Amino acid sequence: MKTTTKLNNIQVLRAFAAVTVVVFHTGYTLPFLVRPFGSFGVDVFFVISGYIMARILDPANPSSSDFFFRRRLLRIVPPYWFFTILLYLAALRLPQLMGATRASFVELLKSLFFIPFMKSDGLTQPLLFIGWSLNYEMFFYLALDLGLLLHKRLGIWIGAAIVLLTMLACSPFAAQSAVARFYASDISLEFLLGILGYYLCRAISDAQARKLRVPALVICLASAIALILLQGLVNKADIPFNTSRVPSLGLLAFLLITSASLLSQAGWDTKFASLVLIGDASYILYLVHPYCEYSLDRFFGSRLHWLKSATPTGAFIGVTLSIVLATLLHLYAERPTVRFLNRNFGGKRKSIEFAPPA
């Protein structure tokens, strides 16, 4: 399997993950479900992240690990800092609209530097609440970079061991420390599932992958449907407190990403450029959608009930507005910025992240 080709199927799954998170945050429940679905998009993102990082750091690509951590920072930090600072300024100006988000300079610094902390509502989240997942992402990247410093060819496995050992080391202190409790969560294992998925696909030849196309397609579709039904049909009150999501959502995400990768390897890679584009814009979509949905709900839903985000029309407009705005920001702000930063500060390796669909 070539490591220098963009996998359209994985980008489509990024779009799927981002859009389902956007749907979840509307609060809308489909008529045949008992509660909102879509937070599993984070689990899909984590498994994809592990898969992509393993692909980037594959020793088969001799220059793949050069400037790894620097390029991750250039990709993740600028838009996250922009929206976090924007939210901080809004909290300074309109604190009555912010809920548990305060214009605290200390909390701003912790948010900007991916340090977990507990907010006044008892949740361990940064100022921009969806940034909690980025705290795990940055920890994962840092662990991999440390692994690369210790041994370039085995860096991915040393990094995985650091993630696992950190989780185990923090577990005894989870009751006393919010930071320890954050890193003791076994959701970090989903990154490792992504690494496993990559090497599983890598061990399968292209000829074998072509023979597995139909079973892989069935598993891919079934996994996506199972994620929606599992989350949407189980009453939240029936879920035990602190239940691990890895054995259910994490494993389904693993099957989803691995089967989609096999389909790409076998030649069944999607050609829908619009879906790939939403996948390319998924990070901006993840960051910007709370602004779109909150603004629509707060300023228009209070006057027109049908524009409330939890209604069918409000949810549809909120999701559509988020996708359109994120796509425009991606095309005219994120993409040129990332290319500029990589070209000037990210080393010589050419990025294929925003390449056109193959």
Protein backbone atom coordinates (compact mmCIF):
# COMPACT_ATOMS: atom_id res chain seq x y z
CA MET A 1 0.00 0.00 0.00
CA LYS A 2 1.49 3.34 -1.05
CA THR A 3 2.05 5.81 1.78
CA THR A 4 2.25 8.84 -0.50
CA THR A 5 -1.29 8.75 -1.88
CA LYS A 6 -4.24 10.58 -0.41
CA LEU A 7 -6.99 8.17 0.70
CA ASN A 8 -10.32 9.69 -0.30
CA ASN A 9 -12.26 7.17 1.80
CA ILE A 10 -10.52 8.34 4.96
CA GLN A 11 -11.31 11.96 4.09
CA VAL A 12 -14.97 11.04 3.62
CA LEU A 13 -14.94 9.42 7.06
CA ARG A 14 -13.49 12.65 8.44
CA ALA A 15 -16.48 14.42 6.90
CA PHE A 16 -18.81 11.81 8.42
CA ALA A 17 -17.22 12.24 11.86
CA ALA A 18 -17.33 16.04 11.76
CA VAL A 19 -20.90 16.27 10.48
CA THR A 20 -22.20 13.82 13.07
CA VAL A 21 -20.58 15.89 15.85
CA VAL A 22 -22.25 18.99 14.41
CA VAL A 23 -25.60 17.16 14.36
CA PHE A 24 -25.09 16.00 17.94
CA HIS A 25 -24.52 19.53 19.21
CA THR A 26 -27.81 20.72 17.71
CA GLY A 27 -29.58 18.53 20.27
CA TYR A 28 -31.98 17.29 17.61
CA THR A 29 -33.24 13.71 17.93
CA LEU A 30 -34.37 11.83 14.83
CA PRO A 31 -37.95 10.49 15.13
CA PHE A 32 -36.89 6.81 15.21
CA LEU A 33 -34.19 7.39 17.87
CA VAL A 34 -34.51 8.01 21.60
CA ARG A 35 -31.66 10.51 22.01
CA PRO A 36 -29.30 12.65 19.91
CA PHE A 37 -26.48 10.81 18.16
CA GLY A 38 -23.15 11.92 16.78
CA SER A 39 -20.66 12.35 19.61
CA PHE A 40 -19.11 9.10 18.36
CA GLY A 41 -17.56 11.31 15.68
CA VAL A 42 -14.80 12.05 18.20
CA ASP A 43 -14.06 8.32 18.49
CA VAL A 44 -13.85 8.11 14.70
CA PHE A 45 -11.51 11.11 14.65
CA PHE A 46 -9.22 9.54 17.26
CA VAL A 47 -8.94 6.26 15.36
CA ILE A 48 -8.34 8.15 12.10
CA SER A 49 -5.64 10.19 13.84
CA GLY A 50 -3.82 7.04 14.97
CA TYR A 51 -4.15 5.57 11.49
CA ILE A 52 -2.86 8.69 9.72
CA MET A 53 0.04 9.19 12.12
CA ALA A 54 1.11 5.56 11.65
CA ARG A 55 0.92 6.09 7.89
CA ILE A 56 2.99 9.28 8.05
CA LEU A 57 5.61 7.70 10.31
CA ASP A 58 5.84 4.41 8.41
CA PRO A 59 9.56 3.55 8.15
CA ALA A 60 8.91 2.55 4.53
CA ASN A 61 8.87 6.28 3.83
CA PRO A 62 12.42 7.39 4.79
CA SER A 63 11.62 11.10 5.09
CA SER A 64 8.20 10.73 6.64
CA SER A 65 9.18 11.56 10.22
CA ASP A 66 11.10 14.74 9.39
CA PHE A 67 9.59 17.82 11.04
CA PHE A 68 6.67 15.67 12.26
CA PHE A 69 5.77 17.55 15.45
CA ARG A 70 6.44 20.95 13.89
CA ARG A 71 4.05 20.25 11.04
CA ARG A 72 1.38 19.01 13.43
CA LEU A 73 1.67 22.27 15.39
CA LEU A 74 1.43 24.32 12.22
CA ARG A 75 -1.69 22.38 11.23
CA ILE A 76 -3.54 22.39 14.56
CA VAL A 77 -2.51 25.46 16.54
CA PRO A 78 -3.26 28.57 14.38
CA PRO A 79 -7.03 28.04 13.85
CA TYR A 80 -7.52 26.71 17.39
CA TRP A 81 -5.77 29.73 18.88
CA PHE A 82 -7.76 32.07 16.67
CA PHE A 83 -11.17 30.72 17.72
CA THR A 84 -10.14 30.37 21.37
CA ILE A 85 -8.97 34.00 21.55
CA LEU A 86 -12.15 35.07 19.74
CA LEU A 87 -14.22 33.29 22.39
CA TYR A 88 -12.13 34.85 25.18
CA LEU A 89 -12.78 38.34 23.78
CA ALA A 90 -16.49 37.55 23.54
CA ALA A 91 -16.46 36.45 27.19
CA LEU A 92 -14.82 39.75 28.15
CA ARG A 93 -17.44 41.71 26.28
CA LEU A 94 -20.58 39.60 26.85
CA PRO A 95 -20.01 37.43 29.94
CA GLN A 96 -23.77 36.92 30.42
CA LEU A 97 -23.88 34.82 27.23
CA MET A 98 -20.99 32.52 28.08
CA GLY A 99 -22.31 30.13 30.73
CA ALA A 100 -19.36 28.29 32.34
CA THR A 101 -16.86 30.02 30.03
CA ARG A 102 -15.12 32.86 31.89
CA ALA A 103 -12.75 35.53 30.66
CA SER A 104 -9.96 34.16 32.84
CA PHE A 105 -6.46 34.86 31.58
CA VAL A 106 -5.11 31.78 33.38
CA GLU A 107 -7.75 29.58 31.75
CA LEU A 108 -6.94 31.21 28.41
CA LEU A 109 -3.27 30.27 28.77
CA LYS A 110 -4.14 26.71 29.79
CA SER A 111 -6.47 26.43 26.80
CA LEU A 112 -3.89 27.78 24.35
CA PHE A 113 -1.22 25.39 25.59
CA PHE A 114 -3.49 22.32 25.78
CA ILE A 115 -3.37 21.96 29.58
CA PRO A 116 -6.55 20.28 30.91
CA PHE A 117 -8.43 22.09 33.70
CA MET A 118 -11.84 21.89 35.33
CA LYS A 119 -14.33 24.65 34.56
CA SER A 120 -16.94 26.00 36.94
CA ASP A 121 -19.52 23.50 35.66
CA GLY A 122 -17.29 20.59 36.74
CA LEU A 123 -16.28 19.59 33.21
CA THR A 124 -12.65 19.31 32.15
CA GLN A 125 -12.74 21.46 29.05
CA PRO A 126 -10.81 24.43 27.62
CA LEU A 127 -12.51 27.76 26.88
CA LEU A 128 -13.61 26.45 23.49
CA PHE A 129 -15.28 23.35 24.89
CA ILE A 130 -14.75 21.07 21.90
CA GLY A 131 -11.02 21.60 22.35
CA TRP A 132 -10.97 18.84 24.99
CA SER A 133 -10.33 16.36 22.18
CA LEU A 134 -7.41 18.47 20.91
CA ASN A 135 -5.77 18.12 24.34
CA TYR A 136 -5.66 14.37 23.66
CA GLU A 137 -4.50 14.94 20.08
CA MET A 138 -1.58 17.12 21.14
CA PHE A 139 -0.60 14.63 23.85
CA PHE A 140 -0.63 11.88 21.23
CA TYR A 141 1.56 13.91 18.87
CA LEU A 142 3.98 14.75 21.68
CA ALA A 143 4.23 11.07 22.67
CA LEU A 144 5.00 10.11 19.07
CA ASP A 145 7.61 12.85 18.77
CA LEU A 146 9.31 11.61 21.94
CA GLY A 147 9.24 8.12 20.46
CA LEU A 148 10.91 9.42 17.29
CA LEU A 149 13.64 11.11 19.31
CA LEU A 150 14.39 7.82 21.04
CA HIS A 151 14.31 5.63 17.92
CA LYS A 152 13.27 6.83 14.48
CA ARG A 153 12.18 3.48 13.04
CA LEU A 154 10.37 2.33 16.20
CA GLY A 155 9.06 5.78 17.11
CA ILE A 156 5.42 4.92 16.45
CA TRP A 157 5.54 1.96 18.85
CA ILE A 158 7.50 3.82 21.52
CA GLY A 159 4.99 6.65 21.27
CA ALA A 160 2.12 4.18 21.63
CA ALA A 161 3.81 2.73 24.72
CA ILE A 162 4.16 6.25 26.20
CA VAL A 163 0.42 6.84 25.71
CA LEU A 164 -0.42 3.52 27.36
CA LEU A 165 2.01 3.98 30.27
CA THR A 166 0.76 7.53 30.91
CA MET A 167 -2.80 6.26 31.12
CA LEU A 168 -1.79 3.55 33.60
CA ALA A 169 0.39 5.91 35.65
CA CYS A 170 -2.41 8.49 35.99
CA SER A 171 -5.11 6.00 36.98
CA PRO A 172 -4.21 5.79 40.72
CA PHE A 173 -4.44 9.60 41.00
CA ALA A 174 -7.63 10.12 39.00
CA ALA A 175 -9.74 10.83 42.08
CA GLN A 176 -7.41 13.55 43.35
CA SER A 177 -6.47 15.41 40.16
CA ALA A 178 -8.48 16.63 37.17
CA VAL A 179 -5.37 16.41 35.00
CA ALA A 180 -4.65 12.83 36.10
CA ARG A 181 -8.30 11.89 35.58
CA PHE A 182 -8.16 13.36 32.07
CA TYR A 183 -5.12 11.36 31.00
CA ALA A 184 -6.26 8.22 32.81
CA SER A 185 -9.22 7.93 30.44
CA ASP A 186 -8.98 4.89 28.22
CA ILE A 187 -10.21 6.91 25.25
CA SER A 188 -6.48 7.30 24.47
CA LEU A 189 -6.57 3.65 23.41
CA GLU A 190 -8.51 4.69 20.32
CA PHE A 191 -5.34 6.28 18.92
CA LEU A 192 -3.64 2.93 19.37
CA LEU A 193 -6.53 1.20 17.59
CA GLY A 194 -5.85 3.49 14.63
CA ILE A 195 -2.18 2.44 14.59
CA LEU A 196 -3.26 -1.19 14.72
CA GLY A 197 -5.69 -0.59 11.84
CA TYR A 198 -2.96 0.86 9.66
CA TYR A 199 -0.55 -2.01 10.20
CA LEU A 200 -3.33 -4.53 9.68
CA CYS A 201 -4.04 -2.98 6.25
CA ARG A 202 -0.32 -2.73 5.54
CA ALA A 203 0.02 -6.50 6.07
CA ILE A 204 -2.62 -7.18 3.39
CA SER A 205 -1.44 -7.11 -0.22
CA ASP A 206 -3.35 -5.19 -2.89
CA ALA A 207 -4.38 -8.48 -4.50
CA GLN A 208 -5.77 -9.77 -1.20
CA ALA A 209 -7.53 -6.45 -0.61
CA ARG A 210 -9.31 -6.76 -3.96
CA LYS A 211 -10.66 -10.15 -2.89
CA LEU A 212 -11.96 -8.59 0.34
CA ARG A 213 -13.76 -5.65 -1.29
CA VAL A 214 -17.32 -6.88 -0.78
CA PRO A 215 -16.86 -7.99 2.87
CA ALA A 216 -14.99 -4.74 3.58
CA LEU A 217 -17.82 -2.69 2.08
CA VAL A 218 -20.39 -4.57 4.18
CA ILE A 219 -18.33 -4.04 7.36
CA CYS A 220 -17.82 -0.35 6.55
CA LEU A 221 -21.53 0.37 6.03
CA ALA A 222 -22.59 -1.83 8.96
CA SER A 223 -20.14 -0.10 11.30
CA ALA A 224 -21.41 3.37 10.37
CA ILE A 225 -25.03 2.31 10.88
CA ALA A 226 -24.18 0.53 14.14
CA LEU A 227 -22.50 3.68 15.53
CA ILE A 228 -25.67 5.71 14.87
CA LEU A 229 -28.05 3.09 16.26
CA LEU A 230 -25.92 2.22 19.26
CA GLN A 231 -25.79 5.83 20.37
CA GLY A 232 -29.25 6.88 19.28
CA LEU A 233 -31.28 3.93 20.57
CA VAL A 234 -29.77 3.53 24.04
CA ASN A 235 -31.41 5.74 26.64
CA LYS A 236 -28.79 7.87 28.38
CA ALA A 237 -30.25 6.96 31.77
CA ASP A 238 -29.53 3.29 31.05
CA ILE A 239 -25.80 3.90 30.51
CA PRO A 240 -23.77 3.23 33.68
CA PHE A 241 -21.76 6.22 34.91
CA ASN A 242 -18.17 6.33 33.62
CA THR A 243 -18.79 3.47 31.19
CA SER A 244 -15.91 3.05 28.77
CA ARG A 245 -16.74 3.91 25.17
CA VAL A 246 -13.75 2.08 23.71
CA PRO A 247 -15.20 -1.50 23.66
CA SER A 248 -18.25 -0.25 21.76
CA LEU A 249 -17.75 3.04 19.91
CA GLY A 250 -13.98 2.67 19.68
CA LEU A 251 -14.08 -0.83 18.20
CA LEU A 252 -16.81 0.13 15.72
CA ALA A 253 -14.72 3.14 14.67
CA PHE A 254 -11.74 0.78 14.24
CA LEU A 255 -13.78 -1.49 11.95
CA LEU A 256 -15.06 1.53 10.03
CA ILE A 257 -11.62 3.04 9.35
CA THR A 258 -9.87 -0.28 8.65
CA SER A 259 -12.51 -1.47 6.19
CA ALA A 260 -12.58 1.92 4.43
CA SER A 261 -8.80 1.81 4.10
CA LEU A 262 -8.95 -1.68 2.60
CA LEU A 263 -11.51 -0.43 0.07
CA SER A 264 -9.14 2.37 -0.95
CA GLN A 265 -6.30 -0.11 -1.23
CA ALA A 266 -8.47 -2.38 -3.38
CA GLY A 267 -9.35 0.41 -5.80
CA TRP A 268 -12.75 1.32 -4.41
CA ASP A 269 -11.81 4.83 -3.36
CA THR A 270 -14.61 7.38 -3.52
CA LYS A 271 -14.58 9.93 -6.32
CA PHE A 272 -17.08 12.34 -4.72
CA ALA A 273 -14.97 15.50 -4.60
CA SER A 274 -17.55 17.41 -2.53
CA LEU A 275 -17.41 14.82 0.27
CA VAL A 276 -13.62 14.79 0.17
CA LEU A 277 -13.65 18.59 0.40
CA ILE A 278 -15.82 18.47 3.53
CA GLY A 279 -13.33 15.96 4.93
CA ASP A 280 -10.51 18.37 4.14
CA ALA A 281 -12.45 21.10 5.95
CA SER A 282 -13.42 18.84 8.87
CA TYR A 283 -11.03 20.42 11.36
CA ILE A 284 -12.36 23.92 10.70
CA LEU A 285 -15.90 22.54 10.75
CA TYR A 286 -15.22 21.00 14.15
CA LEU A 287 -13.95 24.33 15.49
CA VAL A 288 -16.48 26.69 13.94
CA HIS A 289 -19.79 24.86 14.31
CA PRO A 290 -20.46 25.84 17.97
CA TYR A 291 -20.37 29.50 16.92
CA CYS A 292 -22.84 28.89 14.08
CA GLU A 293 -25.27 26.79 16.11
CA TYR A 294 -25.13 28.96 19.23
CA SER A 295 -25.64 32.17 17.25
CA LEU A 296 -28.58 30.72 15.33
CA ASP A 297 -30.19 29.35 18.48
CA ARG A 298 -29.52 32.37 20.70
CA PHE A 299 -30.30 35.25 18.39
CA PHE A 300 -32.89 33.81 16.02
CA GLY A 301 -34.32 30.76 17.81
CA SER A 302 -35.43 32.92 20.73
CA ARG A 303 -37.73 34.81 18.32
CA LEU A 304 -38.67 32.06 15.89
CA HIS A 305 -39.19 28.62 17.47
CA TRP A 306 -38.61 26.78 14.19
CA LEU A 307 -35.04 28.12 14.17
CA LYS A 308 -34.12 26.57 17.51
CA SER A 309 -31.29 24.12 16.92
CA ALA A 310 -33.19 21.19 18.45
CA THR A 311 -36.00 21.48 15.87
CA PRO A 312 -35.76 19.77 12.46
CA THR A 313 -35.52 23.06 10.53
CA GLY A 314 -33.16 24.66 13.03
CA ALA A 315 -30.87 21.63 13.04
CA PHE A 316 -30.83 21.46 9.24
CA ILE A 317 -30.05 25.18 8.87
CA GLY A 318 -27.43 25.07 11.65
CA VAL A 319 -25.63 22.07 10.15
CA THR A 320 -25.80 23.48 6.61
CA LEU A 321 -24.57 26.91 7.71
CA SER A 322 -21.69 25.30 9.62
CA ILE A 323 -20.61 23.20 6.62
CA VAL A 324 -20.78 26.12 4.18
CA LEU A 325 -18.88 28.51 6.46
CA ALA A 326 -16.24 25.89 7.33
CA THR A 327 -15.72 25.03 3.66
CA LEU A 328 -15.23 28.69 2.73
CA LEU A 329 -12.83 29.24 5.63
CA HIS A 330 -10.93 26.12 4.62
CA LEU A 331 -10.59 27.12 0.97
CA TYR A 332 -9.72 30.78 1.47
CA ALA A 333 -8.03 30.84 4.89
CA GLU A 334 -6.93 27.47 6.27
CA ARG A 335 -5.59 25.87 3.09
CA PRO A 336 -3.40 28.80 1.94
CA THR A 337 -2.23 29.40 5.51
CA VAL A 338 -1.20 25.77 6.06
CA ARG A 339 0.61 25.68 2.74
CA PHE A 340 2.43 28.92 3.53
CA LEU A 341 3.45 27.74 7.00
CA ASN A 342 4.58 24.32 5.77
CA ARG A 343 6.51 25.81 2.88
CA ASN A 344 8.37 28.26 5.12
CA PHE A 345 8.60 26.45 8.46
CA GLY A 346 7.55 22.83 7.96
CA GLY A 347 10.50 21.30 6.18
CA LYS A 348 10.87 20.12 2.62
CA ARG A 349 8.44 17.18 2.59
CA LYS A 350 5.47 17.88 0.32
CA SER A 351 2.10 17.61 2.03
CA ILE A 352 -0.69 15.64 0.34
CA GLU A 353 -3.26 16.51 3.00
CA PHE A 354 -5.17 18.96 0.78
CA ALA A 355 -4.38 17.36 -2.56
CA PRO A 356 -7.32 17.02 -4.99
CA PRO A 357 -9.17 13.67 -4.91
CA ALA A 358 -7.24 10.96 -6.74
